[in-house]
Amino acid sequence: MNAQINIFEKPIERIRKTCDLMGLGPDFEQRLPELETYLEGLVADGETSEDRLTANGLIFLSGNTK
């Protein structure tokens, strides 16, 4: 049985949908690598809640607007 669990999949999709609703889709795509790095750091620090990763990712993007 080969199953790969990607803890980032749901939070990133939720963040993508939120950005699309706010008209920030292109900005999201441009900043996706930076967001992934940030989320990886949170997981490395022990965060495993998809809801918290989503919320923290949204806060991260909104606090780092260009």
PDB file of N, CA and C in Angstrom:
ATOM      1  N   MET A   1       0.841  -1.182   0.000  1.00  0.00           N
ATOM      2  CA  MET A   1       0.000   0.000   0.000  1.00  0.00           C
ATOM      3  C   MET A   1       0.882   1.240   0.000  1.00  0.00           C
ATOM      4  N   ASN A   2       0.819   1.987  -1.060  1.00  0.00           N
ATOM      5  CA  ASN A   2       1.582   3.225  -1.176  1.00  0.00           C
ATOM      6  C   ASN A   2       0.641   4.410  -1.038  1.00  0.00           C
ATOM      7  N   ALA A   3       0.624   5.002   0.117  1.00  0.00           N
ATOM      8  CA  ALA A   3      -0.211   6.179   0.359  1.00  0.00           C
ATOM      9  C   ALA A   3       0.687   7.310   0.811  1.00  0.00           C
ATOM     10  N   GLN A   4       0.519   8.430   0.165  1.00  0.00           N
ATOM     11  CA  GLN A   4       1.296   9.597   0.531  1.00  0.00           C
ATOM     12  C   GLN A   4       0.362  10.603   1.187  1.00  0.00           C
ATOM     13  N   ILE A   5       0.718  11.034   2.375  1.00  0.00           N
ATOM     14  CA  ILE A   5      -0.084  12.012   3.088  1.00  0.00           C
ATOM     15  C   ILE A   5       0.613  13.353   2.973  1.00  0.00           C
ATOM     16  N   ASN A   6      -0.108  14.313   2.452  1.00  0.00           N
ATOM     17  CA  ASN A   6       0.441  15.652   2.301  1.00  0.00           C
ATOM     18  C   ASN A   6      -0.344  16.590   3.202  1.00  0.00           C
ATOM     19  N   ILE A   7       0.242  16.961   4.330  1.00  0.00           N
ATOM     20  CA  ILE A   7      -0.432  17.791   5.314  1.00  0.00           C
ATOM     21  C   ILE A   7      -0.693  19.202   4.778  1.00  0.00           C
ATOM     22  N   PHE A   8       0.007  19.587   3.724  1.00  0.00           N
ATOM     23  CA  PHE A   8      -0.144  20.931   3.173  1.00  0.00           C
ATOM     24  C   PHE A   8      -1.273  21.039   2.153  1.00  0.00           C
ATOM     25  N   GLU A   9      -1.748  19.914   1.648  1.00  0.00           N
ATOM     26  CA  GLU A   9      -2.702  19.915   0.546  1.00  0.00           C
ATOM     27  C   GLU A   9      -3.982  20.694   0.865  1.00  0.00           C
ATOM     28  N   LYS A  10      -4.649  20.351   1.949  1.00  0.00           N
ATOM     29  CA  LYS A  10      -5.907  21.025   2.300  1.00  0.00           C
ATOM     30  C   LYS A  10      -5.697  22.488   2.688  1.00  0.00           C
ATOM     31  N   PRO A  11      -4.729  22.801   3.553  1.00  0.00           N
ATOM     32  CA  PRO A  11      -4.543  24.215   3.893  1.00  0.00           C
ATOM     33  C   PRO A  11      -4.222  25.089   2.678  1.00  0.00           C
ATOM     34  N   ILE A  12      -3.370  24.598   1.794  1.00  0.00           N
ATOM     35  CA  ILE A  12      -3.013  25.397   0.620  1.00  0.00           C
ATOM     36  C   ILE A  12      -4.220  25.576  -0.287  1.00  0.00           C
ATOM     37  N   GLU A  13      -5.034  24.547  -0.444  1.00  0.00           N
ATOM     38  CA  GLU A  13      -6.236  24.667  -1.278  1.00  0.00           C
ATOM     39  C   GLU A  13      -7.225  25.656  -0.662  1.00  0.00           C
ATOM     40  N   ARG A  14      -7.378  25.614   0.646  1.00  0.00           N
ATOM     41  CA  ARG A  14      -8.262  26.571   1.322  1.00  0.00           C
ATOM     42  C   ARG A  14      -7.749  28.002   1.157  1.00  0.00           C
ATOM     43  N   ILE A  15      -6.455  28.188   1.302  1.00  0.00           N
ATOM     44  CA  ILE A  15      -5.857  29.514   1.146  1.00  0.00           C
ATOM     45  C   ILE A  15      -6.031  29.984  -0.296  1.00  0.00           C
ATOM     46  N   ARG A  16      -5.834  29.086  -1.256  1.00  0.00           N
ATOM     47  CA  ARG A  16      -6.006  29.421  -2.674  1.00  0.00           C
ATOM     48  C   ARG A  16      -7.437  29.897  -2.941  1.00  0.00           C
ATOM     49  N   LYS A  17      -8.428  29.164  -2.413  1.00  0.00           N
ATOM     50  CA  LYS A  17      -9.828  29.533  -2.619  1.00  0.00           C
ATOM     51  C   LYS A  17     -10.136  30.893  -2.000  1.00  0.00           C
ATOM     52  N   THR A  18      -9.609  31.136  -0.816  1.00  0.00           N
ATOM     53  CA  THR A  18      -9.828  32.419  -0.155  1.00  0.00           C
ATOM     54  C   THR A  18      -9.227  33.558  -0.977  1.00  0.00           C
ATOM     55  N   CYS A  19      -8.019  33.356  -1.469  1.00  0.00           N
ATOM     56  CA  CYS A  19      -7.376  34.382  -2.301  1.00  0.00           C
ATOM     57  C   CYS A  19      -8.162  34.608  -3.588  1.00  0.00           C
ATOM     58  N   ASP A  20      -8.673  33.546  -4.187  1.00  0.00           N
ATOM     59  CA  ASP A  20      -9.490  33.689  -5.395  1.00  0.00           C
ATOM     60  C   ASP A  20     -10.736  34.514  -5.113  1.00  0.00           C
ATOM     61  N   LEU A  21     -11.391  34.242  -3.995  1.00  0.00           N
ATOM     62  CA  LEU A  21     -12.595  34.991  -3.627  1.00  0.00           C
ATOM     63  C   LEU A  21     -12.303  36.471  -3.402  1.00  0.00           C
ATOM     64  N   MET A  22     -11.099  36.752  -2.960  1.00  0.00           N
ATOM     65  CA  MET A  22     -10.699  38.137  -2.701  1.00  0.00           C
ATOM     66  C   MET A  22     -10.062  38.793  -3.925  1.00  0.00           C
ATOM     67  N   GLY A  23      -9.992  38.062  -5.026  1.00  0.00           N
ATOM     68  CA  GLY A  23      -9.394  38.611  -6.240  1.00  0.00           C
ATOM     69  C   GLY A  23      -7.883  38.635  -6.224  1.00  0.00           C
ATOM     70  N   LEU A  24      -7.275  37.798  -5.400  1.00  0.00           N
ATOM     71  CA  LEU A  24      -5.817  37.779  -5.259  1.00  0.00           C
ATOM     72  C   LEU A  24      -5.191  36.518  -5.837  1.00  0.00           C
ATOM     73  N   GLY A  25      -5.868  35.865  -6.756  1.00  0.00           N
ATOM     74  CA  GLY A  25      -5.370  34.618  -7.336  1.00  0.00           C
ATOM     75  C   GLY A  25      -3.975  34.721  -7.923  1.00  0.00           C
ATOM     76  N   PRO A  26      -3.716  35.727  -8.767  1.00  0.00           N
ATOM     77  CA  PRO A  26      -2.364  35.842  -9.343  1.00  0.00           C
ATOM     78  C   PRO A  26      -1.288  36.083  -8.280  1.00  0.00           C
ATOM     79  N   ASP A  27      -1.615  36.872  -7.269  1.00  0.00           N
ATOM     80  CA  ASP A  27      -0.657  37.127  -6.199  1.00  0.00           C
ATOM     81  C   ASP A  27      -0.372  35.843  -5.425  1.00  0.00           C
ATOM     82  N   PHE A  28      -1.417  35.028  -5.215  1.00  0.00           N
ATOM     83  CA  PHE A  28      -1.234  33.756  -4.514  1.00  0.00           C
ATOM     84  C   PHE A  28      -0.259  32.869  -5.275  1.00  0.00           C
ATOM     85  N   GLU A  29      -0.464  32.740  -6.570  1.00  0.00           N
ATOM     86  CA  GLU A  29       0.411  31.866  -7.379  1.00  0.00           C
ATOM     87  C   GLU A  29       1.855  32.329  -7.317  1.00  0.00           C
ATOM     88  N   GLN A  30       2.058  33.631  -7.332  1.00  0.00           N
ATOM     89  CA  GLN A  30       3.405  34.183  -7.289  1.00  0.00           C
ATOM     90  C   GLN A  30       4.059  33.923  -5.930  1.00  0.00           C
ATOM     91  N   ARG A  31       3.291  33.943  -4.872  1.00  0.00           N
ATOM     92  CA  ARG A  31       3.832  33.815  -3.527  1.00  0.00           C
ATOM     93  C   ARG A  31       3.752  32.401  -2.965  1.00  0.00           C
ATOM     94  N   LEU A  32       3.248  31.448  -3.764  1.00  0.00           N
ATOM     95  CA  LEU A  32       3.092  30.071  -3.309  1.00  0.00           C
ATOM     96  C   LEU A  32       4.387  29.456  -2.767  1.00  0.00           C
ATOM     97  N   PRO A  33       5.531  29.600  -3.424  1.00  0.00           N
ATOM     98  CA  PRO A  33       6.762  29.004  -2.860  1.00  0.00           C
ATOM     99  C   PRO A  33       7.104  29.550  -1.470  1.00  0.00           C
ATOM    100  N   GLU A  34       6.902  30.844  -1.279  1.00  0.00           N
ATOM    101  CA  GLU A  34       7.162  31.482   0.013  1.00  0.00           C
ATOM    102  C   GLU A  34       6.191  30.945   1.076  1.00  0.00           C
ATOM    103  N   LEU A  35       4.933  30.779   0.693  1.00  0.00           N
ATOM    104  CA  LEU A  35       3.925  30.234   1.605  1.00  0.00           C
ATOM    105  C   LEU A  35       4.259  28.791   1.985  1.00  0.00           C
ATOM    106  N   GLU A  36       4.649  27.986   1.009  1.00  0.00           N
ATOM    107  CA  GLU A  36       5.003  26.592   1.288  1.00  0.00           C
ATOM    108  C   GLU A  36       6.166  26.510   2.268  1.00  0.00           C
ATOM    109  N   THR A  37       7.160  27.349   2.095  1.00  0.00           N
ATOM    110  CA  THR A  37       8.307  27.373   2.999  1.00  0.00           C
ATOM    111  C   THR A  37       7.873  27.742   4.406  1.00  0.00           C
ATOM    112  N   TYR A  38       6.983  28.726   4.506  1.00  0.00           N
ATOM    113  CA  TYR A  38       6.478  29.143   5.813  1.00  0.00           C
ATOM    114  C   TYR A  38       5.720  27.998   6.489  1.00  0.00           C
ATOM    115  N   LEU A  39       4.840  27.338   5.738  1.00  0.00           N
ATOM    116  CA  LEU A  39       4.064  26.231   6.306  1.00  0.00           C
ATOM    117  C   LEU A  39       4.964  25.067   6.703  1.00  0.00           C
ATOM    118  N   GLU A  40       5.986  24.789   5.914  1.00  0.00           N
ATOM    119  CA  GLU A  40       6.939  23.728   6.258  1.00  0.00           C
ATOM    120  C   GLU A  40       7.622  24.031   7.585  1.00  0.00           C
ATOM    121  N   GLY A  41       7.914  25.298   7.821  1.00  0.00           N
ATOM    122  CA  GLY A  41       8.525  25.696   9.093  1.00  0.00           C
ATOM    123  C   GLY A  41       7.593  25.459  10.266  1.00  0.00           C
ATOM    124  N   LEU A  42       6.308  25.758  10.059  1.00  0.00           N
ATOM    125  CA  LEU A  42       5.328  25.515  11.123  1.00  0.00           C
ATOM    126  C   LEU A  42       5.226  24.028  11.448  1.00  0.00           C
ATOM    127  N   VAL A  43       5.216  23.199  10.412  1.00  0.00           N
ATOM    128  CA  VAL A  43       5.134  21.752  10.624  1.00  0.00           C
ATOM    129  C   VAL A  43       6.406  21.250  11.312  1.00  0.00           C
ATOM    130  N   ALA A  44       7.536  21.792  10.920  1.00  0.00           N
ATOM    131  CA  ALA A  44       8.797  21.401  11.558  1.00  0.00           C
ATOM    132  C   ALA A  44       8.799  21.754  13.042  1.00  0.00           C
ATOM    133  N   ASP A  45       8.060  22.817  13.396  1.00  0.00           N
ATOM    134  CA  ASP A  45       7.949  23.216  14.799  1.00  0.00           C
ATOM    135  C   ASP A  45       6.870  22.430  15.543  1.00  0.00           C
ATOM    136  N   GLY A  46       6.202  21.498  14.843  1.00  0.00           N
ATOM    137  CA  GLY A  46       5.249  20.617  15.498  1.00  0.00           C
ATOM    138  C   GLY A  46       3.784  20.867  15.190  1.00  0.00           C
ATOM    139  N   GLU A  47       3.458  21.857  14.367  1.00  0.00           N
ATOM    140  CA  GLU A  47       2.054  22.135  14.030  1.00  0.00           C
ATOM    141  C   GLU A  47       1.534  21.081  13.061  1.00  0.00           C
ATOM    142  N   THR A  48       0.408  20.461  13.399  1.00  0.00           N
ATOM    143  CA  THR A  48      -0.172  19.441  12.531  1.00  0.00           C
ATOM    144  C   THR A  48      -1.638  19.706  12.202  1.00  0.00           C
ATOM    145  N   SER A  49      -2.244  20.710  12.812  1.00  0.00           N
ATOM    146  CA  SER A  49      -3.651  21.019  12.575  1.00  0.00           C
ATOM    147  C   SER A  49      -3.814  21.724  11.227  1.00  0.00           C
ATOM    148  N   GLU A  50      -4.629  21.129  10.351  1.00  0.00           N
ATOM    149  CA  GLU A  50      -4.862  21.743   9.042  1.00  0.00           C
ATOM    150  C   GLU A  50      -5.539  23.101   9.189  1.00  0.00           C
ATOM    151  N   ASP A  51      -6.434  23.232  10.174  1.00  0.00           N
ATOM    152  CA  ASP A  51      -7.117  24.507  10.392  1.00  0.00           C
ATOM    153  C   ASP A  51      -6.137  25.596  10.826  1.00  0.00           C
ATOM    154  N   ARG A  52      -5.225  25.241  11.718  1.00  0.00           N
ATOM    155  CA  ARG A  52      -4.230  26.227  12.166  1.00  0.00           C
ATOM    156  C   ARG A  52      -3.250  26.580  11.054  1.00  0.00           C
ATOM    157  N   LEU A  53      -2.872  25.593  10.256  1.00  0.00           N
ATOM    158  CA  LEU A  53      -1.982  25.877   9.130  1.00  0.00           C
ATOM    159  C   LEU A  53      -2.666  26.817   8.146  1.00  0.00           C
ATOM    160  N   THR A  54      -3.954  26.596   7.904  1.00  0.00           N
ATOM    161  CA  THR A  54      -4.708  27.463   6.994  1.00  0.00           C
ATOM    162  C   THR A  54      -4.754  28.887   7.543  1.00  0.00           C
ATOM    163  N   ALA A  55      -5.155  29.015   8.805  1.00  0.00           N
ATOM    164  CA  ALA A  55      -5.264  30.343   9.411  1.00  0.00           C
ATOM    165  C   ALA A  55      -3.914  31.058   9.436  1.00  0.00           C
ATOM    166  N   ASN A  56      -2.876  30.346   9.846  1.00  0.00           N
ATOM    167  CA  ASN A  56      -1.546  30.958   9.897  1.00  0.00           C
ATOM    168  C   ASN A  56      -1.049  31.333   8.507  1.00  0.00           C
ATOM    169  N   GLY A  57      -1.372  30.507   7.509  1.00  0.00           N
ATOM    170  CA  GLY A  57      -0.985  30.829   6.133  1.00  0.00           C
ATOM    171  C   GLY A  57      -1.672  32.080   5.629  1.00  0.00           C
ATOM    172  N   LEU A  58      -2.960  32.230   5.937  1.00  0.00           N
ATOM    173  CA  LEU A  58      -3.681  33.440   5.546  1.00  0.00           C
ATOM    174  C   LEU A  58      -3.124  34.668   6.255  1.00  0.00           C
ATOM    175  N   ILE A  59      -2.825  34.535   7.522  1.00  0.00           N
ATOM    176  CA  ILE A  59      -2.239  35.640   8.270  1.00  0.00           C
ATOM    177  C   ILE A  59      -0.877  36.000   7.686  1.00  0.00           C
ATOM    178  N   PHE A  60      -0.101  34.989   7.365  1.00  0.00           N
ATOM    179  CA  PHE A  60       1.226  35.202   6.769  1.00  0.00           C
ATOM    180  C   PHE A  60       1.110  35.999   5.468  1.00  0.00           C
ATOM    181  N   LEU A  61       0.204  35.576   4.600  1.00  0.00           N
ATOM    182  CA  LEU A  61       0.052  36.272   3.312  1.00  0.00           C
ATOM    183  C   LEU A  61      -0.479  37.690   3.497  1.00  0.00           C
ATOM    184  N   SER A  62      -1.418  37.877   4.415  1.00  0.00           N
ATOM    185  CA  SER A  62      -1.987  39.209   4.588  1.00  0.00           C
ATOM    186  C   SER A  62      -0.999  40.159   5.267  1.00  0.00           C
ATOM    187  N   GLY A  63      -0.102  39.618   6.071  1.00  0.00           N
ATOM    188  CA  GLY A  63       0.888  40.440   6.735  1.00  0.00           C
ATOM    189  C   GLY A  63       2.100  40.745   5.894  1.00  0.00           C
ATOM    190  N   ASN A  64       2.241  40.060   4.780  1.00  0.00           N
ATOM    191  CA  ASN A  64       3.394  40.234   3.899  1.00  0.00           C
ATOM    192  C   ASN A  64       2.967  40.686   2.519  1.00  0.00           C
ATOM    193  N   THR A  65       2.003  41.577   2.441  1.00  0.00           N
ATOM    194  CA  THR A  65       1.563  42.048   1.132  1.00  0.00           C
ATOM    195  C   THR A  65       2.611  42.961   0.534  1.00  0.00           C
ATOM    196  N   LYS A  66       2.663  42.939  -0.762  1.00  0.00           N
ATOM    197  CA  LYS A  66       3.671  43.751  -1.466  1.00  0.00           C
ATOM    198  C   LYS A  66       3.200  45.162  -1.634  1.00  0.00           C
TER     199      LYS A  66
END
